[in-house]
Structure formats: C-alpha cells, structure tokens
Protein backbone atom coordinates (compact mmCIF):
# COMPACT_ATOMS: atom_id res chain seq x y z
CA MET A 1 23.96 -45.36 -37.62
CA PRO A 2 21.57 -44.08 -34.93
CA GLY A 3 20.48 -40.47 -35.05
CA THR A 4 20.34 -37.89 -32.28
CA VAL A 5 17.44 -35.56 -31.55
CA LEU A 6 17.50 -32.54 -29.24
CA LEU A 7 14.12 -31.10 -28.26
CA LEU A 8 14.49 -27.63 -26.73
CA ALA A 9 11.49 -25.57 -25.66
CA ALA A 10 12.18 -22.42 -23.68
CA SER A 11 10.42 -19.20 -22.75
CA PRO A 12 10.55 -16.84 -19.78
CA ALA A 13 8.25 -17.26 -16.83
CA GLY A 14 5.91 -14.38 -16.06
CA LYS A 15 4.84 -11.37 -18.08
CA GLY A 16 7.84 -11.44 -20.40
CA CYS A 17 6.61 -14.65 -22.04
CA LEU A 18 5.71 -14.28 -25.73
CA VAL A 19 5.05 -17.94 -26.59
CA ASP A 20 3.92 -21.04 -24.70
CA ALA A 21 6.94 -22.97 -25.90
CA ALA A 22 6.70 -25.98 -23.59
CA SER A 23 3.20 -26.80 -24.80
CA VAL A 24 4.68 -28.39 -27.91
CA LEU A 25 6.81 -30.95 -26.07
CA PRO A 26 4.04 -33.47 -25.30
CA VAL A 27 3.13 -33.51 -29.00
CA LEU A 28 6.76 -33.94 -30.10
CA ALA A 29 7.40 -36.54 -27.39
CA ALA A 30 4.56 -38.64 -28.81
CA VAL A 31 6.45 -39.00 -32.10
CA PRO A 32 8.61 -42.14 -32.32
CA PRO A 33 12.30 -41.21 -31.94
CA ALA A 34 13.22 -42.81 -35.27
CA VAL A 35 10.62 -40.65 -37.04
CA LEU A 36 11.92 -37.49 -35.34
CA ALA A 37 15.44 -38.33 -36.49
CA GLY A 38 14.68 -39.83 -39.87
CA THR A 39 16.88 -42.83 -38.99
CA ASP A 40 16.28 -46.46 -38.00
CA THR A 41 17.01 -45.72 -34.34
CA ALA A 42 17.61 -42.51 -32.40
CA ASN A 43 18.45 -41.05 -29.02
CA VAL A 44 16.26 -38.17 -27.84
CA VAL A 45 17.24 -35.47 -25.35
CA GLU A 46 14.47 -33.18 -24.08
CA LEU A 47 14.98 -29.77 -22.45
CA ALA A 48 11.82 -28.14 -21.12
CA ASP A 49 12.11 -24.52 -19.92
CA PRO A 50 15.76 -24.81 -18.84
CA LEU A 51 17.05 -22.29 -16.34
CA GLU A 52 20.75 -21.90 -17.13
CA PRO A 53 22.37 -21.18 -20.51
CA GLN A 54 25.44 -23.23 -19.55
CA ALA A 55 23.26 -26.29 -18.95
CA VAL A 56 21.73 -25.90 -22.42
CA LEU A 57 25.20 -25.47 -23.90
CA THR A 58 26.37 -28.71 -22.27
CA ARG A 59 23.48 -30.68 -23.78
CA LEU A 60 23.92 -29.01 -27.17
CA ARG A 61 27.65 -29.75 -27.17
CA ALA A 62 27.04 -33.41 -26.35
CA ALA A 63 24.44 -33.69 -29.10
CA ALA A 64 26.77 -32.02 -31.60
CA ALA A 65 29.55 -34.47 -30.73
CA ALA A 66 27.37 -37.54 -31.38
CA PRO A 67 28.05 -39.42 -34.63
CA GLY A 68 25.30 -39.77 -37.16
CA PRO A 69 22.53 -37.38 -38.16
CA LEU A 70 21.48 -34.68 -35.69
CA THR A 71 18.09 -32.97 -35.68
CA VAL A 72 17.52 -30.05 -33.30
CA PHE A 73 13.96 -28.84 -32.68
CA ILE A 74 13.93 -25.41 -30.99
CA THR A 75 10.78 -23.63 -29.87
CA GLY A 76 10.93 -20.35 -27.99
CA GLN A 77 11.52 -16.63 -28.22
CA LEU A 78 14.38 -14.45 -29.36
CA GLN A 79 15.50 -11.41 -27.39
CA LEU A 80 18.25 -8.90 -27.91
CA ASP A 81 21.12 -8.11 -25.60
CA ARG A 82 20.76 -4.34 -25.78
CA ARG A 83 24.39 -3.70 -24.95
CA GLN A 84 26.04 -5.93 -27.55
CA ARG A 85 23.09 -6.19 -29.95
CA LEU A 86 23.38 -9.99 -30.01
CA VAL A 87 20.40 -12.29 -30.47
CA HIS A 88 19.66 -14.71 -27.62
CA LEU A 89 17.21 -17.55 -27.01
CA ALA A 90 15.33 -16.55 -23.85
CA LEU A 91 15.24 -19.09 -21.01
CA ALA A 92 13.00 -19.46 -17.98
CA ARG A 93 14.70 -16.73 -15.90
CA THR A 94 15.27 -14.25 -18.74
CA THR A 95 13.97 -10.69 -18.45
CA ALA A 96 14.57 -7.73 -20.74
CA SER A 97 17.35 -6.45 -18.46
CA THR A 98 19.09 -9.82 -17.86
CA VAL A 99 19.25 -11.24 -21.40
CA ARG A 100 23.03 -11.20 -21.46
CA TYR A 101 23.31 -13.38 -18.35
CA THR A 102 20.22 -15.60 -18.36
CA ALA A 103 19.59 -16.37 -22.05
CA LEU A 104 21.41 -18.56 -24.57
CA PRO A 105 23.40 -16.55 -27.14
CA TRP A 106 22.32 -17.73 -30.58
CA HIS A 107 25.89 -17.74 -31.82
CA TRP A 108 26.60 -20.55 -29.32
CA VAL A 109 24.19 -22.71 -31.33
CA ARG A 110 25.95 -21.78 -34.55
CA GLU A 111 29.43 -22.43 -33.15
CA GLU A 112 28.59 -25.80 -31.60
CA LEU A 113 27.23 -27.06 -34.91
CA ARG A 114 29.91 -25.46 -37.06
CA LEU A 115 32.33 -28.40 -37.14
CA ARG A 116 29.76 -31.06 -37.95
CA ALA A 117 29.99 -32.68 -41.36
CA PRO A 118 27.83 -30.96 -44.01
CA GLY A 119 24.55 -32.71 -44.60
CA THR A 120 24.30 -34.26 -41.13
CA THR A 121 22.61 -31.45 -39.18
CA THR A 122 19.08 -30.08 -39.36
CA LEU A 123 17.50 -27.29 -37.35
CA VAL A 124 13.70 -27.08 -37.12
CA LEU A 125 12.76 -23.73 -35.56
CA ASP A 126 9.57 -22.11 -34.32
CA LEU A 127 10.64 -18.79 -32.82
CA HIS A 128 8.86 -15.62 -31.76
CA ALA A 129 10.87 -12.41 -31.59
CA ASP A 130 10.45 -9.50 -29.24
CA ALA A 131 9.99 -6.07 -30.81
CA GLU A 132 13.69 -5.13 -30.88
CA THR A 133 14.79 -8.45 -32.31
CA TRP A 134 12.00 -8.38 -34.88
CA GLU A 135 13.25 -5.02 -36.16
CA LEU A 136 16.76 -6.46 -36.38
CA MET A 137 15.56 -9.53 -38.31
CA ARG A 138 14.35 -7.23 -41.10
CA THR A 139 17.93 -6.38 -42.07
CA ARG A 140 20.06 -9.15 -40.51
CA PRO A 141 18.97 -12.76 -40.99
CA LEU A 142 19.35 -15.24 -38.15
CA ASP A 143 22.74 -16.89 -38.65
CA SER A 144 22.62 -20.62 -37.91
CA GLY A 145 25.80 -21.54 -39.76
CA ARG A 146 26.51 -22.79 -43.27
CA ASN A 147 26.60 -26.50 -42.45
CA SER A 148 23.07 -26.81 -41.04
CA ALA A 149 19.84 -27.17 -43.00
CA VAL A 150 17.29 -24.82 -41.41
CA TYR A 151 13.51 -25.02 -41.63
CA GLY A 152 10.83 -23.14 -39.72
CA ARG A 153 9.65 -19.63 -39.04
CA ILE A 154 10.32 -16.52 -36.97
CA ALA A 155 7.10 -14.81 -35.92
CA PRO A 156 6.64 -11.17 -34.86
CA PRO A 157 5.72 -10.40 -31.25
CA PRO A 158 2.08 -11.14 -30.44
CA GLY A 159 -0.28 -8.44 -29.23
CA ARG A 160 -0.05 -7.02 -25.72
CA ARG A 161 -1.10 -9.41 -22.95
CA THR A 162 -1.11 -12.24 -25.49
CA VAL A 163 0.92 -15.44 -25.33
CA ALA A 164 1.30 -17.03 -28.75
CA ALA A 165 1.12 -20.72 -29.57
CA PRO A 166 3.99 -22.54 -31.32
CA SER A 167 1.66 -23.43 -34.17
CA TYR A 168 4.36 -24.24 -36.73
CA MET A 169 6.10 -26.75 -34.45
CA LYS A 170 2.80 -28.27 -33.39
CA ALA A 171 1.96 -28.73 -37.05
CA VAL A 172 5.31 -30.44 -37.62
CA ALA A 173 4.73 -32.75 -34.65
CA THR A 174 1.17 -33.56 -35.72
CA ILE A 175 2.35 -34.53 -39.22
CA LEU A 176 5.13 -36.71 -37.81
CA ARG A 177 2.78 -38.47 -35.39
CA SER A 178 1.32 -40.26 -38.40
CA GLY A 179 4.49 -42.35 -38.29
CA ARG A 180 5.80 -41.18 -41.66
CA ARG A 181 8.53 -38.58 -42.03
CA PRO A 182 8.33 -36.86 -45.41
CA ALA A 183 11.35 -35.15 -46.90
CA LEU A 184 12.17 -32.12 -44.78
CA ALA A 185 11.29 -29.61 -47.47
CA GLU A 186 7.91 -31.30 -47.89
CA LEU A 187 7.38 -31.47 -44.12
CA HIS A 188 8.17 -27.75 -43.91
CA GLN A 189 5.66 -26.85 -46.60
CA GLN A 190 2.94 -29.04 -45.06
CA ALA A 191 3.47 -27.34 -41.69
CA LEU A 192 3.31 -23.87 -43.25
CA ALA A 193 0.08 -24.83 -44.97
CA ARG A 194 -1.42 -25.86 -41.63
CA VAL A 195 -0.39 -22.59 -40.02
CA GLY A 196 -2.14 -20.80 -42.87
CA SER A 197 -3.03 -17.13 -42.65
CA GLU A 198 -1.97 -16.97 -38.99
CA GLY A 199 1.60 -16.85 -40.24
CA TYR A 200 1.16 -14.05 -42.78
CA ALA A 201 3.86 -11.85 -41.24
CA ASP A 202 6.35 -14.59 -40.38
CA LEU A 203 9.88 -14.77 -41.71
CA VAL A 204 9.96 -18.21 -43.30
CA LEU A 205 13.18 -20.18 -42.86
CA GLY A 206 13.77 -22.78 -45.55
CA ALA A 207 16.86 -24.59 -46.76
CA PRO A 208 17.94 -23.88 -50.35
CA GLY A 209 15.65 -25.60 -52.81
CA ALA A 210 12.54 -25.44 -50.61
CA ALA A 211 9.57 -24.33 -52.69
CA ALA A 212 7.51 -21.30 -51.71
CA PRO A 213 3.70 -22.07 -51.59
CA ASP A 214 0.34 -20.12 -50.01
CA PRO A 215 0.69 -16.42 -51.31
CA HIS A 216 2.18 -15.61 -47.86
CA SER A 217 5.45 -17.40 -48.49
CA ALA A 218 5.77 -15.71 -51.87
CA ILE A 219 5.30 -12.35 -50.16
CA THR A 220 7.87 -13.28 -47.52
CA ALA A 221 10.36 -14.27 -50.22
CA ALA A 222 9.83 -10.94 -51.98
CA VAL A 223 10.42 -9.00 -48.76
CA GLN A 224 13.54 -10.95 -47.89
CA SER A 225 14.98 -10.25 -51.35
CA GLY A 226 14.18 -6.53 -51.06
CA ARG A 227 11.34 -6.54 -53.63
CA HIS A 228 8.98 -4.53 -51.42
CA LEU A 229 6.86 -3.15 -54.27
CA ASP A 230 6.26 -6.65 -55.62
CA ALA A 231 5.28 -7.88 -52.17
CA ASP A 232 2.80 -5.05 -51.67
CA ALA A 233 1.34 -5.49 -55.15
CA LEU A 234 0.68 -9.18 -54.49
CA ALA A 235 -0.92 -8.40 -51.12
CA ALA A 236 -2.99 -5.60 -52.68
CA ARG A 237 -4.45 -8.02 -55.22
CA HIS A 238 -5.51 -10.38 -52.46
CA GLU A 239 -6.93 -7.51 -50.43
CA GLN A 240 -9.08 -6.39 -53.37
CA ALA A 241 -10.26 -9.95 -53.93
CA ALA A 242 -11.18 -10.27 -50.25
CA LEU A 243 -13.07 -6.97 -50.33
CA GLN A 244 -15.05 -8.03 -53.38
CA THR A 245 -15.80 -11.51 -52.09
CA HIS A 246 -16.29 -10.94 -48.37
CA GLY A 247 -16.82 -7.20 -48.01
CA PRO A 248 -15.21 -4.44 -45.88
CA GLY A 249 -14.77 -5.36 -42.24
CA SER A 250 -14.52 -9.07 -43.02
CA SER A 251 -11.73 -11.04 -41.36
CA GLU A 252 -10.29 -11.81 -44.81
CA ALA A 253 -10.15 -8.15 -45.87
CA LEU A 254 -8.75 -7.07 -42.50
CA HIS A 255 -6.14 -9.79 -42.69
CA TRP A 256 -4.78 -8.48 -45.98
CA ALA A 257 -4.94 -4.88 -44.76
CA GLU A 258 -2.73 -5.94 -41.84
CA VAL A 259 -0.36 -7.71 -44.21
CA ARG A 260 0.05 -4.50 -46.21
CA ALA A 261 0.59 -2.48 -43.02
CA ASP A 262 3.43 -4.81 -42.04
CA LEU A 263 4.86 -4.74 -45.56
CA ALA A 264 5.02 -0.95 -45.40
CA MET A 265 6.92 -1.27 -42.12
CA PHE A 266 9.38 -3.76 -43.69
CA ALA A 267 9.89 -1.30 -46.55
CA GLY A 268 10.69 1.48 -44.08
CA ASP A 269 7.60 3.50 -45.05
CA ALA A 270 6.35 4.58 -41.63
CA VAL A 271 3.73 6.95 -43.09
CA ARG A 272 2.06 4.24 -45.15
CA SER A 273 2.29 1.71 -42.33
CA CYS A 274 0.82 4.11 -39.77
CA ARG A 275 -2.04 5.05 -42.11
CA ALA A 276 -2.76 1.38 -42.80
CA TRP A 277 -2.83 0.44 -39.11
CA LEU A 278 -5.13 3.39 -38.37
CA GLY A 279 -7.44 2.08 -41.07
CA VAL A 280 -7.37 -1.44 -39.64
CA ALA A 281 -8.19 -0.21 -36.14
CA SER A 282 -11.04 1.98 -37.39
CA ALA A 283 -12.44 -0.85 -39.52
CA ARG A 284 -12.39 -3.26 -36.60
CA LEU A 285 -14.20 -0.79 -34.37
CA ALA A 286 -16.72 -0.06 -37.12
CA ALA A 287 -17.33 -3.80 -37.45
CA GLY A 288 -18.38 -3.92 -33.81
CA GLN A 289 -15.20 -5.10 -32.12
CA SER A 290 -14.61 -3.81 -28.61
CA ALA A 291 -11.95 -1.22 -27.89
CA ALA A 292 -10.52 -3.77 -25.44
CA ASP A 293 -10.21 -6.46 -28.11
CA PRO A 294 -6.53 -7.49 -28.44
CA ASP A 295 -6.67 -7.12 -32.23
CA VAL A 296 -7.94 -3.55 -31.92
CA GLU A 297 -5.37 -2.68 -29.27
CA SER A 298 -2.60 -4.20 -31.35
CA ALA A 299 -3.61 -2.18 -34.43
CA VAL A 300 -3.63 1.10 -32.50
CA ASP A 301 -0.35 0.28 -30.76
CA ARG A 302 1.30 -0.47 -34.10
CA ALA A 303 -0.08 2.71 -35.65
CA HIS A 304 1.31 4.65 -32.68
CA HIS A 305 4.71 2.97 -33.02
CA GLN A 306 4.93 3.76 -36.73
CA TRP A 307 3.74 7.34 -36.17
CA GLY A 308 6.69 7.82 -33.83
CA ARG A 309 9.03 6.79 -36.66
CA ILE A 310 7.75 9.40 -39.15
CA THR A 311 10.48 11.94 -39.88
CA ASP A 312 8.40 14.36 -41.99
CA PRO A 313 6.67 16.80 -39.58
CA ALA A 314 3.91 17.59 -42.08
CA ARG A 315 2.99 13.91 -42.45
CA ALA A 316 3.12 13.41 -38.70
CA ARG A 317 0.77 16.39 -38.21
CA GLU A 318 -1.55 14.94 -40.84
CA LEU A 319 -1.92 11.56 -39.13
CA GLY A 320 -1.62 12.68 -35.51
CA PRO A 321 -5.27 13.80 -34.95
CA ALA A 322 -6.64 10.45 -36.17
CA LEU A 323 -4.26 8.62 -33.84
CA ALA A 324 -5.24 10.89 -30.92
CA GLU A 325 -8.93 10.22 -31.59
CA LEU A 326 -8.32 6.47 -31.55
CA ARG A 327 -6.25 6.80 -28.38
CA THR A 328 -9.25 8.34 -26.60
CA ARG A 329 -11.15 5.12 -27.36
CA VAL A 330 -8.27 2.67 -27.09
CA PRO A 331 -5.98 4.12 -24.39
CA GLY A 332 -3.21 1.51 -24.64
CA PRO A 333 -0.16 1.79 -22.36
CA GLN A 334 -0.27 4.38 -19.60
CA GLY A 335 0.56 7.82 -20.94
CA ALA A 336 0.06 6.89 -24.62
CA LEU A 337 -2.60 9.53 -25.26
CA ASP A 338 -0.55 12.18 -23.46
CA HIS A 339 2.41 11.27 -25.65
CA VAL A 340 0.41 11.83 -28.84
CA GLN A 341 -0.98 15.15 -27.60
CA ARG A 342 2.45 16.41 -26.53
CA GLN A 343 3.96 15.45 -29.86
CA LEU A 344 1.17 17.20 -31.75
CA GLN A 345 1.74 20.35 -29.72
CA ARG A 346 5.44 20.20 -30.48
CA LEU A 347 4.76 19.66 -34.19
CA SER A 348 2.43 22.66 -34.23
C-alpha cells in the first residue's frame, strides 16, 4: 500500500523568526518519496511557509484520512497563546500578539491523527520554542497523541538577533538522501549524532525503545525524569574533563559550563543558573570575545533573566553588582542596565 508524506516547514516572516524552517525543504525534497515514507511508493505533500492555519488543517486532515503509513515532517517554531496557554506552530503571519488567530494550534495536529490505526503514523519534528513555550516545555511535554511515534527535538530559543538552522531535520534529510532508510530509531540517533554538541540543551523526542547515546541525550533523559542532580553531576564530569584537556576559556569548557547553567534553570535553581551564566559571560570576555558577540550577549541576557527569578533578596544583592558590571559592557535590550540598578536600589 502506498504511503503518504506531509512536509511542513513554517516560521514567521520578519523579526519574530527563530528558525529558517523553509531552508530544509530543498534537502527533504531531494529524497525519493518512497524513502521518505519507508514504503514502495508514496505521495508527498509539501507546505512551505503557509499563511493560514485552516489551509494547513485541510492538508493535514487529507493526509490523515489516507490509507497506509503516514509520515509527517514538521520544521518550525512553537509559540504560546498567552490567553489560553496553548502551544501553537507559528506560521508566516504569526506575531507574538496574534498567535491565537494566525498560528496552528498543536492540539489540532494531535486530534487529526488521533483516530489513525496504531503503528501507522510517524511524526519527525525539528522545533524551536520561544522563551515562554520553552519554560512550559520544562513541566508539560508536547502532546502529540498516543497513536503516533514521535522522533526529533525541541530546541530553546536562539540568541537575540539570531535565526537558527533546522540542523536536526537537515541531518535526517542528508541521511535519507543516500537512498536507504534505516529504522526510525536508528535514523533518529544518527541525526542526533550529526547535530552533536549544538543540541546540548534540546529536549529530545524519541519513541519508546529509542536508545539514548552522546552524553547530551543521557543528560536530557535525566532532566526529563526529574533527576536534576544526576544530570548536573554528569555535566560536571565533562566540564572538568574539558578544563583539564582544553583549558579555561576553551569552547569545550564553555560549552559544558553553559550546559550546567541550563541544567540549573531546569532544576528551578535561579541562583546557581545566574551565577553560572555570569561566569560564562566573564570567561568569554576574558578569552577575547567582543561584547557584541551573540554568545556573550546571550550569556548576559540569560544571567539577567535568571537574576530576575531569584526570590531570596540576599542572594539577589550578592549577584546584582556582578550583573550590573557586565551590563555596563554588554548593554543588551534598552533599559536593561537601568533595570538592574533600580532593582539593586530596591533590594538595598
């Protein structure tokens, strides 16, 4: 029986774009349809930066009604409807204030696939989340229904003024272009391996039974199961190894310092996360990186965000001067330094 493949790549136009979703379509389109579907023959439907959620729903509904195996490849970004707190897939016209009307509610995807026979539906996802959705993902997993096998990743928002690449989906497409489709769990692991350390903070989506490689997936698994101390201990061992092998200020050591800063955030320890991000920013500057470097700006911005979440006034007073000093060198968003100074005055 022929298979059906739906290729959906969507992201907002303009400054709200987090990921260049459509860039993956030429690579996926170069894969033979039968390889995409894992069947002898297949029909492929491609949606590139669609404008209307109802149009996407119509194509999704038609694909879900087709007999035979269905594989849905979705690349894009997740945003939150602030009023109802529902996750949406952003489309070309989506802005932060129009999510409810211009984006595709994720539960539509779940509901359209709900009645398909178990074992016939696969979702392959490469999604970036905005800041609000990323916070939500820490405590509420993305619900794609019980009847669908799901593989892929959800990545945190990239740094300011940065548009991320759909590196996981490009890795999947590159592997499939060889003409051979490995078992999905194997394909998933091969793609994660190609993403490598770039995906250290990602939430890895894998169907039951998928093995966890790289140490990054093991850390992700520990976080998702609530074993935050285990996750940090594993990252700490790799950080120490990187320091001994490559030295302070090396990209390897900084990478693991950033991993531990994010792990502290996932554990709800704003003090430890803020302190870690302050250390990363200072180390990058000491290594000669410019204050305008996106990695430096991102570290300071994240330290500032975590500082604002500290509930203990004494700890906030302790870390505030270091943040203010960094803000004089890395100003960040307009008014950021003033915000720190005002908060320090209030805390005093």
